[in-house]
């Protein structure tokens, strides 16, 4: 889909991302309603940008992301795919693993872009497109995986664990929304980073809950591993900068790689635990 003429940059980018996400719906549903949904989103996004600028667009994405996930699952179920809660949790585990791999690959490939401030295209187009596609799809899968994690394990995790899972999902949605405008606004970068940080901190705290309550049949440390790397390395990086040192890009790459390993373990545990999870420890 080519950019619409006359649309502001954040609106045009949001419409293109939304158009891509519509591919998750069943084919027959897209044929019947896809063009109307895209037109409504375009109009609402234009209105939100006119009324509230980038904050308005971000708020729209916060509402839209979770609604897309919910309605996509509902439509697949209604149109013939049997997906009970256990099956949803299992597929969410695979989504979490795929998201971790895509996100890490996109970030690493993006670091080969020698001129990251230039427009997309040219000799570094492969790295730029790989970064956008990998990290964007990765974060969409993060949200799906975390929704499955909450669906399957919120009851076993207690009230605190359920709250932390909601915080992680919210962080993932905020980060995803920030990514849609990060090329045109510093606010987008701040939303992306703060959302990602909130996601990982919530996962780290959730990991402490899972280790105490033995929520999974094994590898209860996985959420802590997924959540602790990025915040710790960011603190280390800030300490280095405050003392006059230079924060290398490898800090963030290393943190994201550690996070991805933890998410892969967590996703595998989710899809492997179906029907075998022992009773929780009170």
C-alpha atoms as a PDB file:
ATOM      1  CA  UNK A   1       0.000   0.000   0.000  1.00  0.00           C
ATOM      2  CA  UNK A   2       1.418   3.354  -1.001  1.00  0.00           C
ATOM      3  CA  UNK A   3       1.246   6.319   1.310  1.00  0.00           C
ATOM      4  CA  UNK A   4      -1.892   8.435   1.007  1.00  0.00           C
ATOM      5  CA  UNK A   5      -1.257  11.860  -0.445  1.00  0.00           C
ATOM      6  CA  UNK A   6      -2.023  14.733   1.931  1.00  0.00           C
ATOM      7  CA  UNK A   7      -1.964  12.699   5.152  1.00  0.00           C
ATOM      8  CA  UNK A   8       0.430  13.799   7.926  1.00  0.00           C
ATOM      9  CA  UNK A   9       3.402  11.473   8.369  1.00  0.00           C
ATOM     10  CA  UNK A  10       2.247   9.776  11.628  1.00  0.00           C
ATOM     11  CA  UNK A  11      -1.242   9.231  10.194  1.00  0.00           C
ATOM     12  CA  UNK A  12       0.084   7.820   6.917  1.00  0.00           C
ATOM     13  CA  UNK A  13       2.444   5.464   8.765  1.00  0.00           C
ATOM     14  CA  UNK A  14      -0.320   4.363  11.143  1.00  0.00           C
ATOM     15  CA  UNK A  15      -2.672   3.620   8.228  1.00  0.00           C
ATOM     16  CA  UNK A  16      -0.004   1.537   6.486  1.00  0.00           C
ATOM     17  CA  UNK A  17       0.731  -0.440   9.666  1.00  0.00           C
ATOM     18  CA  UNK A  18      -2.983  -0.988  10.279  1.00  0.00           C
ATOM     19  CA  UNK A  19      -3.445  -2.181   6.689  1.00  0.00           C
ATOM     20  CA  UNK A  20      -0.701  -4.749   7.239  1.00  0.00           C
ATOM     21  CA  UNK A  21      -2.221  -5.933  10.509  1.00  0.00           C
ATOM     22  CA  UNK A  22      -5.565  -6.591   8.808  1.00  0.00           C
ATOM     23  CA  UNK A  23      -3.900  -9.590   7.156  1.00  0.00           C
ATOM     24  CA  UNK A  24      -4.323 -11.419  10.483  1.00  0.00           C
ATOM     25  CA  UNK A  25      -8.090 -11.627   9.934  1.00  0.00           C
ATOM     26  CA  UNK A  26      -9.664 -14.535   8.012  1.00  0.00           C
ATOM     27  CA  UNK A  27      -9.630 -13.973   4.248  1.00  0.00           C
ATOM     28  CA  UNK A  28     -13.403 -13.903   3.869  1.00  0.00           C
ATOM     29  CA  UNK A  29     -13.719 -11.369   6.679  1.00  0.00           C
ATOM     30  CA  UNK A  30     -11.126  -9.114   5.013  1.00  0.00           C
ATOM     31  CA  UNK A  31     -13.007  -9.281   1.731  1.00  0.00           C
ATOM     32  CA  UNK A  32     -16.251  -8.269   3.419  1.00  0.00           C
ATOM     33  CA  UNK A  33     -15.053  -5.647   5.878  1.00  0.00           C
ATOM     34  CA  UNK A  34     -11.358  -4.901   5.286  1.00  0.00           C
ATOM     35  CA  UNK A  35     -11.747  -1.795   3.127  1.00  0.00           C
ATOM     36  CA  UNK A  36     -14.395  -0.324   5.435  1.00  0.00           C
ATOM     37  CA  UNK A  37     -12.277  -0.951   8.527  1.00  0.00           C
ATOM     38  CA  UNK A  38      -9.281   0.690   6.871  1.00  0.00           C
ATOM     39  CA  UNK A  39     -11.326   3.725   5.859  1.00  0.00           C
ATOM     40  CA  UNK A  40     -12.771   4.120   9.374  1.00  0.00           C
ATOM     41  CA  UNK A  41      -9.315   3.828  10.917  1.00  0.00           C
ATOM     42  CA  UNK A  42      -7.918   6.391   8.454  1.00  0.00           C
ATOM     43  CA  UNK A  43     -10.687   8.868   9.302  1.00  0.00           C
ATOM     44  CA  UNK A  44     -10.421   8.341  13.060  1.00  0.00           C
ATOM     45  CA  UNK A  45      -6.630   8.550  12.977  1.00  0.00           C
ATOM     46  CA  UNK A  46      -6.768  11.788  10.990  1.00  0.00           C
ATOM     47  CA  UNK A  47      -9.267  13.210  13.494  1.00  0.00           C
ATOM     48  CA  UNK A  48      -7.203  12.136  16.524  1.00  0.00           C
ATOM     49  CA  UNK A  49      -4.061  13.669  15.049  1.00  0.00           C
ATOM     50  CA  UNK A  50      -5.895  16.907  14.316  1.00  0.00           C
ATOM     51  CA  UNK A  51      -7.315  17.080  17.833  1.00  0.00           C
ATOM     52  CA  UNK A  52      -4.422  15.767  19.932  1.00  0.00           C
ATOM     53  CA  UNK A  53      -1.367  15.431  17.701  1.00  0.00           C
ATOM     54  CA  UNK A  54       0.943  12.502  18.394  1.00  0.00           C
ATOM     55  CA  UNK A  55      -0.639  11.922  21.798  1.00  0.00           C
ATOM     56  CA  UNK A  56      -3.980  11.452  20.085  1.00  0.00           C
ATOM     57  CA  UNK A  57      -2.529   8.943  17.612  1.00  0.00           C
ATOM     58  CA  UNK A  58      -0.787   7.063  20.434  1.00  0.00           C
ATOM     59  CA  UNK A  59      -4.008   6.874  22.438  1.00  0.00           C
ATOM     60  CA  UNK A  60      -5.773   5.527  19.358  1.00  0.00           C
ATOM     61  CA  UNK A  61      -3.163   2.786  18.986  1.00  0.00           C
ATOM     62  CA  UNK A  62      -3.525   1.856  22.647  1.00  0.00           C
ATOM     63  CA  UNK A  63      -7.211   1.192  22.014  1.00  0.00           C
ATOM     64  CA  UNK A  64      -6.729  -0.375  18.600  1.00  0.00           C
ATOM     65  CA  UNK A  65      -3.915  -2.877  19.320  1.00  0.00           C
ATOM     66  CA  UNK A  66      -5.746  -4.910  21.951  1.00  0.00           C
ATOM     67  CA  UNK A  67      -9.002  -4.686  19.992  1.00  0.00           C
ATOM     68  CA  UNK A  68      -7.257  -6.080  16.911  1.00  0.00           C
ATOM     69  CA  UNK A  69      -5.918  -9.050  18.863  1.00  0.00           C
ATOM     70  CA  UNK A  70      -9.286  -9.733  20.507  1.00  0.00           C
ATOM     71  CA  UNK A  71     -11.406  -9.456  17.364  1.00  0.00           C
ATOM     72  CA  UNK A  72      -8.930 -11.438  15.257  1.00  0.00           C
ATOM     73  CA  UNK A  73      -9.147 -14.389  17.633  1.00  0.00           C
ATOM     74  CA  UNK A  74     -12.937 -14.065  17.813  1.00  0.00           C
ATOM     75  CA  UNK A  75     -13.305 -14.043  14.033  1.00  0.00           C
ATOM     76  CA  UNK A  76     -11.085 -17.089  13.564  1.00  0.00           C
ATOM     77  CA  UNK A  77     -13.097 -18.949  16.188  1.00  0.00           C
ATOM     78  CA  UNK A  78     -16.429 -17.910  14.670  1.00  0.00           C
ATOM     79  CA  UNK A  79     -15.302 -18.897  11.166  1.00  0.00           C
ATOM     80  CA  UNK A  80     -14.296 -22.428  11.936  1.00  0.00           C
ATOM     81  CA  UNK A  81     -11.075 -22.591  13.976  1.00  0.00           C
ATOM     82  CA  UNK A  82     -11.580 -24.367  17.287  1.00  0.00           C
ATOM     83  CA  UNK A  83      -9.550 -22.417  19.791  1.00  0.00           C
ATOM     84  CA  UNK A  84     -10.309 -22.979  23.469  1.00  0.00           C
ATOM     85  CA  UNK A  85      -8.241 -21.326  26.165  1.00  0.00           C
ATOM     86  CA  UNK A  86      -5.610 -24.072  26.268  1.00  0.00           C
ATOM     87  CA  UNK A  87      -5.073 -23.892  22.527  1.00  0.00           C
ATOM     88  CA  UNK A  88      -4.858 -20.097  22.685  1.00  0.00           C
ATOM     89  CA  UNK A  89      -2.231 -20.325  25.444  1.00  0.00           C
ATOM     90  CA  UNK A  90      -0.252 -22.868  23.435  1.00  0.00           C
ATOM     91  CA  UNK A  91      -0.252 -20.771  20.272  1.00  0.00           C
ATOM     92  CA  UNK A  92       0.547 -17.690  22.346  1.00  0.00           C
ATOM     93  CA  UNK A  93       3.653 -19.490  23.567  1.00  0.00           C
ATOM     94  CA  UNK A  94       4.766 -19.966  19.977  1.00  0.00           C
ATOM     95  CA  UNK A  95       3.946 -16.305  19.300  1.00  0.00           C
ATOM     96  CA  UNK A  96       6.138 -15.233  22.216  1.00  0.00           C
ATOM     97  CA  UNK A  97       9.049 -17.298  20.883  1.00  0.00           C
ATOM     98  CA  UNK A  98       8.601 -15.987  17.350  1.00  0.00           C
ATOM     99  CA  UNK A  99       8.352 -12.426  18.637  1.00  0.00           C
ATOM    100  CA  UNK A 100      11.574 -12.755  20.614  1.00  0.00           C
ATOM    101  CA  UNK A 101      13.477 -14.069  17.593  1.00  0.00           C
ATOM    102  CA  UNK A 102      12.062 -11.457  15.202  1.00  0.00           C
ATOM    103  CA  UNK A 103      12.667  -8.567  17.594  1.00  0.00           C
ATOM    104  CA  UNK A 104      16.272  -9.546  18.332  1.00  0.00           C
ATOM    105  CA  UNK A 105      17.007 -10.211  14.651  1.00  0.00           C
ATOM    106  CA  UNK A 106      15.515  -6.872  13.626  1.00  0.00           C
ATOM    107  CA  UNK A 107      17.504  -4.993  16.241  1.00  0.00           C
ATOM    108  CA  UNK A 108      20.781  -6.702  15.377  1.00  0.00           C
ATOM    109  CA  UNK A 109      20.337  -6.247  11.613  1.00  0.00           C
ATOM    110  CA  UNK A 110      19.395  -2.613  12.155  1.00  0.00           C
ATOM    111  CA  UNK A 111      22.755  -1.966  13.767  1.00  0.00           C
ATOM    112  CA  UNK A 112      24.419  -2.665  10.410  1.00  0.00           C
ATOM    113  CA  UNK A 113      22.715   0.441   9.004  1.00  0.00           C
ATOM    114  CA  UNK A 114      25.635   2.838   8.557  1.00  0.00           C
ATOM    115  CA  UNK A 115      23.418   5.911   8.096  1.00  0.00           C
ATOM    116  CA  UNK A 116      20.486   5.436  10.446  1.00  0.00           C
ATOM    117  CA  UNK A 117      19.327   9.069  10.193  1.00  0.00           C
ATOM    118  CA  UNK A 118      18.720   8.968   6.418  1.00  0.00           C
ATOM    119  CA  UNK A 119      15.322   8.053   4.860  1.00  0.00           C
ATOM    120  CA  UNK A 120      14.593   4.403   4.195  1.00  0.00           C
ATOM    121  CA  UNK A 121      16.234   3.230   0.987  1.00  0.00           C
ATOM    122  CA  UNK A 122      19.611   3.175  -0.681  1.00  0.00           C
ATOM    123  CA  UNK A 123      22.422   0.774   0.060  1.00  0.00           C
ATOM    124  CA  UNK A 124      21.233   0.133   3.627  1.00  0.00           C
ATOM    125  CA  UNK A 125      17.591  -0.506   2.681  1.00  0.00           C
ATOM    126  CA  UNK A 126      17.832  -4.214   3.555  1.00  0.00           C
ATOM    127  CA  UNK A 127      18.971  -3.489   7.109  1.00  0.00           C
ATOM    128  CA  UNK A 128      16.424  -0.692   7.576  1.00  0.00           C
ATOM    129  CA  UNK A 129      13.480  -2.733   6.325  1.00  0.00           C
ATOM    130  CA  UNK A 130      14.628  -5.788   8.301  1.00  0.00           C
ATOM    131  CA  UNK A 131      14.767  -3.692  11.456  1.00  0.00           C
ATOM    132  CA  UNK A 132      11.296  -2.226  10.975  1.00  0.00           C
ATOM    133  CA  UNK A 133       9.696  -5.544  10.005  1.00  0.00           C
ATOM    134  CA  UNK A 134      11.472  -7.628  12.653  1.00  0.00           C
ATOM    135  CA  UNK A 135      10.932  -5.296  15.574  1.00  0.00           C
ATOM    136  CA  UNK A 136       7.394  -4.356  14.536  1.00  0.00           C
ATOM    137  CA  UNK A 137       6.177  -7.922  14.062  1.00  0.00           C
ATOM    138  CA  UNK A 138       8.142  -8.985  17.131  1.00  0.00           C
ATOM    139  CA  UNK A 139       6.304  -6.527  19.346  1.00  0.00           C
ATOM    140  CA  UNK A 140       2.917  -7.537  17.920  1.00  0.00           C
ATOM    141  CA  UNK A 141       3.735 -11.139  18.817  1.00  0.00           C
ATOM    142  CA  UNK A 142       4.857  -9.969  22.281  1.00  0.00           C
ATOM    143  CA  UNK A 143       1.390  -8.574  22.945  1.00  0.00           C
ATOM    144  CA  UNK A 144      -0.297 -11.759  21.691  1.00  0.00           C
ATOM    145  CA  UNK A 145       2.043 -13.917  23.777  1.00  0.00           C
ATOM    146  CA  UNK A 146       1.473 -11.866  26.926  1.00  0.00           C
ATOM    147  CA  UNK A 147      -2.301 -12.041  26.421  1.00  0.00           C
ATOM    148  CA  UNK A 148      -1.992 -15.823  26.289  1.00  0.00           C
ATOM    149  CA  UNK A 149       0.237 -15.810  29.362  1.00  0.00           C
ATOM    150  CA  UNK A 150      -2.391 -13.866  31.286  1.00  0.00           C
ATOM    151  CA  UNK A 151      -5.199 -16.090  29.984  1.00  0.00           C
ATOM    152  CA  UNK A 152      -3.458 -19.274  31.075  1.00  0.00           C
ATOM    153  CA  UNK A 153      -1.642 -18.282  34.256  1.00  0.00           C
ATOM    154  CA  UNK A 154      -3.271 -15.228  35.855  1.00  0.00           C
ATOM    155  CA  UNK A 155      -5.377 -17.364  38.226  1.00  0.00           C
ATOM    156  CA  UNK A 156      -2.368 -19.410  39.301  1.00  0.00           C
ATOM    157  CA  UNK A 157      -0.232 -16.317  39.834  1.00  0.00           C
ATOM    158  CA  UNK A 158      -2.432 -14.678  42.448  1.00  0.00           C
ATOM    159  CA  UNK A 159      -3.638 -11.094  42.493  1.00  0.00           C
ATOM    160  CA  UNK A 160      -0.150  -9.587  42.310  1.00  0.00           C
ATOM    161  CA  UNK A 161       0.853 -11.803  39.409  1.00  0.00           C
ATOM    162  CA  UNK A 162      -2.321 -10.916  37.486  1.00  0.00           C
ATOM    163  CA  UNK A 163      -1.685  -7.191  38.010  1.00  0.00           C
ATOM    164  CA  UNK A 164       1.905  -7.537  36.833  1.00  0.00           C
ATOM    165  CA  UNK A 165       0.761  -9.331  33.686  1.00  0.00           C
ATOM    166  CA  UNK A 166      -1.660  -6.500  32.912  1.00  0.00           C
ATOM    167  CA  UNK A 167       1.218  -4.043  33.422  1.00  0.00           C
ATOM    168  CA  UNK A 168       3.394  -6.048  31.019  1.00  0.00           C
ATOM    169  CA  UNK A 169       0.645  -6.114  28.370  1.00  0.00           C
ATOM    170  CA  UNK A 170       0.064  -2.377  28.767  1.00  0.00           C
ATOM    171  CA  UNK A 171       3.791  -1.734  28.379  1.00  0.00           C
ATOM    172  CA  UNK A 172       3.851  -3.821  25.220  1.00  0.00           C
ATOM    173  CA  UNK A 173       0.924  -1.904  23.715  1.00  0.00           C
ATOM    174  CA  UNK A 174       2.446   1.489  24.610  1.00  0.00           C
ATOM    175  CA  UNK A 175       5.765   0.430  23.113  1.00  0.00           C
ATOM    176  CA  UNK A 176       4.074  -0.817  19.939  1.00  0.00           C
ATOM    177  CA  UNK A 177       2.137   2.439  19.616  1.00  0.00           C
ATOM    178  CA  UNK A 178       5.320   4.454  20.085  1.00  0.00           C
ATOM    179  CA  UNK A 179       7.023   2.465  17.352  1.00  0.00           C
ATOM    180  CA  UNK A 180       4.431   3.608  14.826  1.00  0.00           C
ATOM    181  CA  UNK A 181       5.495   7.260  15.201  1.00  0.00           C
ATOM    182  CA  UNK A 182       9.099   6.947  16.340  1.00  0.00           C
ATOM    183  CA  UNK A 183      10.508   7.990  12.947  1.00  0.00           C
ATOM    184  CA  UNK A 184       8.647  11.279  13.004  1.00  0.00           C
ATOM    185  CA  UNK A 185       8.589  12.234  16.686  1.00  0.00           C
ATOM    186  CA  UNK A 186      10.848  12.109  19.718  1.00  0.00           C
ATOM    187  CA  UNK A 187       7.724  11.294  21.714  1.00  0.00           C
ATOM    188  CA  UNK A 188       7.462   8.062  19.734  1.00  0.00           C
ATOM    189  CA  UNK A 189      10.957   7.056  20.812  1.00  0.00           C
ATOM    190  CA  UNK A 190      10.134   7.882  24.435  1.00  0.00           C
ATOM    191  CA  UNK A 191       6.882   5.895  24.312  1.00  0.00           C
ATOM    192  CA  UNK A 192       8.599   2.934  22.653  1.00  0.00           C
ATOM    193  CA  UNK A 193      11.418   2.825  25.163  1.00  0.00           C
ATOM    194  CA  UNK A 194       9.322   3.506  28.267  1.00  0.00           C
ATOM    195  CA  UNK A 195       6.769   0.883  27.193  1.00  0.00           C
ATOM    196  CA  UNK A 196       9.501  -1.684  26.596  1.00  0.00           C
ATOM    197  CA  UNK A 197      11.040  -0.862  29.965  1.00  0.00           C
ATOM    198  CA  UNK A 198       7.657  -1.201  31.704  1.00  0.00           C
ATOM    199  CA  UNK A 199       7.116  -4.559  29.984  1.00  0.00           C
ATOM    200  CA  UNK A 200      10.464  -5.956  31.107  1.00  0.00           C
ATOM    201  CA  UNK A 201      10.213  -4.625  34.672  1.00  0.00           C
ATOM    202  CA  UNK A 202       6.741  -6.145  35.036  1.00  0.00           C
ATOM    203  CA  UNK A 203       8.030  -9.470  33.681  1.00  0.00           C
ATOM    204  CA  UNK A 204      10.964  -9.409  36.094  1.00  0.00           C
ATOM    205  CA  UNK A 205       8.618  -8.859  39.038  1.00  0.00           C
ATOM    206  CA  UNK A 206       6.277 -11.545  37.675  1.00  0.00           C
ATOM    207  CA  UNK A 207       9.276 -13.890  37.602  1.00  0.00           C
ATOM    208  CA  UNK A 208       9.699 -13.469  41.349  1.00  0.00           C
ATOM    209  CA  UNK A 209       6.054 -14.442  41.745  1.00  0.00           C
ATOM    210  CA  UNK A 210       6.400 -17.515  39.520  1.00  0.00           C
ATOM    211  CA  UNK A 211       9.475 -18.738  41.413  1.00  0.00           C
ATOM    212  CA  UNK A 212       7.705 -18.368  44.744  1.00  0.00           C
ATOM    213  CA  UNK A 213       4.429 -19.968  43.652  1.00  0.00           C
ATOM    214  CA  UNK A 214       5.933 -22.434  41.151  1.00  0.00           C
ATOM    215  CA  UNK A 215       3.429 -21.354  38.517  1.00  0.00           C
ATOM    216  CA  UNK A 216       5.042 -23.386  35.714  1.00  0.00           C
ATOM    217  CA  UNK A 217       6.056 -27.047  35.762  1.00  0.00           C
ATOM    218  CA  UNK A 218       9.653 -25.907  35.305  1.00  0.00           C
ATOM    219  CA  UNK A 219      11.857 -22.951  34.357  1.00  0.00           C
ATOM    220  CA  UNK A 220       9.995 -20.609  36.699  1.00  0.00           C
ATOM    221  CA  UNK A 221      12.986 -18.274  36.407  1.00  0.00           C
ATOM    222  CA  UNK A 222      12.202 -17.594  32.718  1.00  0.00           C
ATOM    223  CA  UNK A 223      10.090 -14.431  33.259  1.00  0.00           C
ATOM    224  CA  UNK A 224      12.790 -12.991  35.531  1.00  0.00           C
ATOM    225  CA  UNK A 225      15.439 -13.745  32.916  1.00  0.00           C
ATOM    226  CA  UNK A 226      13.279 -12.124  30.233  1.00  0.00           C
ATOM    227  CA  UNK A 227      12.726  -9.020  32.301  1.00  0.00           C
ATOM    228  CA  UNK A 228      15.933  -8.290  34.148  1.00  0.00           C
ATOM    229  CA  UNK A 229      18.532  -7.890  31.388  1.00  0.00           C
ATOM    230  CA  UNK A 230      17.345  -4.711  29.727  1.00  0.00           C
ATOM    231  CA  UNK A 231      16.670  -2.624  32.890  1.00  0.00           C
ATOM    232  CA  UNK A 232      19.971  -3.653  34.502  1.00  0.00           C
ATOM    233  CA  UNK A 233      22.030  -2.903  31.421  1.00  0.00           C
ATOM    234  CA  UNK A 234      20.300   0.437  30.960  1.00  0.00           C
ATOM    235  CA  UNK A 235      21.221   1.381  34.528  1.00  0.00           C
ATOM    236  CA  UNK A 236      24.802   0.275  33.880  1.00  0.00           C
ATOM    237  CA  UNK A 237      24.864   2.289  30.666  1.00  0.00           C
ATOM    238  CA  UNK A 238      23.578   5.422  32.405  1.00  0.00           C
ATOM    239  CA  UNK A 239      26.202   4.997  35.112  1.00  0.00           C
ATOM    240  CA  UNK A 240      28.907   4.764  32.449  1.00  0.00           C
ATOM    241  CA  UNK A 241      27.635   7.900  30.725  1.00  0.00           C
ATOM    242  CA  UNK A 242      27.401   9.857  33.991  1.00  0.00           C
ATOM    243  CA  UNK A 243      31.038   9.074  34.696  1.00  0.00           C
ATOM    244  CA  UNK A 244      32.110  10.426  31.313  1.00  0.00           C
ATOM    245  CA  UNK A 245      32.193   7.139  29.424  1.00  0.00           C
ATOM    246  CA  UNK A 246      30.455   6.267  26.177  1.00  0.00           C
ATOM    247  CA  UNK A 247      27.408   4.050  25.988  1.00  0.00           C
ATOM    248  CA  UNK A 248      27.966   1.625  23.116  1.00  0.00           C
ATOM    249  CA  UNK A 249      25.163   0.178  21.023  1.00  0.00           C
ATOM    250  CA  UNK A 250      26.208  -3.279  22.197  1.00  0.00           C
ATOM    251  CA  UNK A 251      24.630  -2.541  25.600  1.00  0.00           C
ATOM    252  CA  UNK A 252      21.126  -2.472  24.160  1.00  0.00           C
ATOM    253  CA  UNK A 253      21.827  -5.378  21.793  1.00  0.00           C
ATOM    254  CA  UNK A 254      23.116  -7.490  24.685  1.00  0.00           C
ATOM    255  CA  UNK A 255      20.139  -6.565  26.854  1.00  0.00           C
ATOM    256  CA  UNK A 256      17.649  -7.382  24.119  1.00  0.00           C
ATOM    257  CA  UNK A 257      19.373 -10.689  23.352  1.00  0.00           C
ATOM    258  CA  UNK A 258      19.140 -11.713  27.013  1.00  0.00           C
ATOM    259  CA  UNK A 259      15.501 -10.657  27.087  1.00  0.00           C
ATOM    260  CA  UNK A 260      14.823 -12.687  23.938  1.00  0.00           C
ATOM    261  CA  UNK A 261      16.375 -15.815  25.435  1.00  0.00           C
ATOM    262  CA  UNK A 262      14.143 -15.481  28.480  1.00  0.00           C
ATOM    263  CA  UNK A 263      11.054 -14.952  26.303  1.00  0.00           C
ATOM    264  CA  UNK A 264      11.905 -17.997  24.185  1.00  0.00           C
ATOM    265  CA  UNK A 265      12.163 -20.136  27.319  1.00  0.00           C
ATOM    266  CA  UNK A 266       8.920 -18.676  28.656  1.00  0.00           C
ATOM    267  CA  UNK A 267       7.091 -19.230  25.376  1.00  0.00           C
ATOM    268  CA  UNK A 268       8.309 -22.812  25.151  1.00  0.00           C
ATOM    269  CA  UNK A 269       7.189 -23.446  28.719  1.00  0.00           C
ATOM    270  CA  UNK A 270       3.728 -22.074  27.933  1.00  0.00           C
ATOM    271  CA  UNK A 271       3.095 -24.341  24.968  1.00  0.00           C
ATOM    272  CA  UNK A 272       4.724 -27.369  26.627  1.00  0.00           C
ATOM    273  CA  UNK A 273       2.885 -27.037  29.949  1.00  0.00           C
ATOM    274  CA  UNK A 274      -0.626 -27.473  28.578  1.00  0.00           C
ATOM    275  CA  UNK A 275      -2.379 -30.096  30.698  1.00  0.00           C
ATOM    276  CA  UNK A 276       0.675 -30.812  32.846  1.00  0.00           C
ATOM    277  CA  UNK A 277       0.917 -27.834  35.242  1.00  0.00           C
ATOM    278  CA  UNK A 278       0.848 -28.906  38.891  1.00  0.00           C
ATOM    279  CA  UNK A 279      -1.354 -27.260  41.522  1.00  0.00           C
ATOM    280  CA  UNK A 280      -0.049 -23.902  42.750  1.00  0.00           C
ATOM    281  CA  UNK A 281       1.657 -23.387  46.064  1.00  0.00           C
ATOM    282  CA  UNK A 282      -0.407 -21.056  48.294  1.00  0.00           C
END
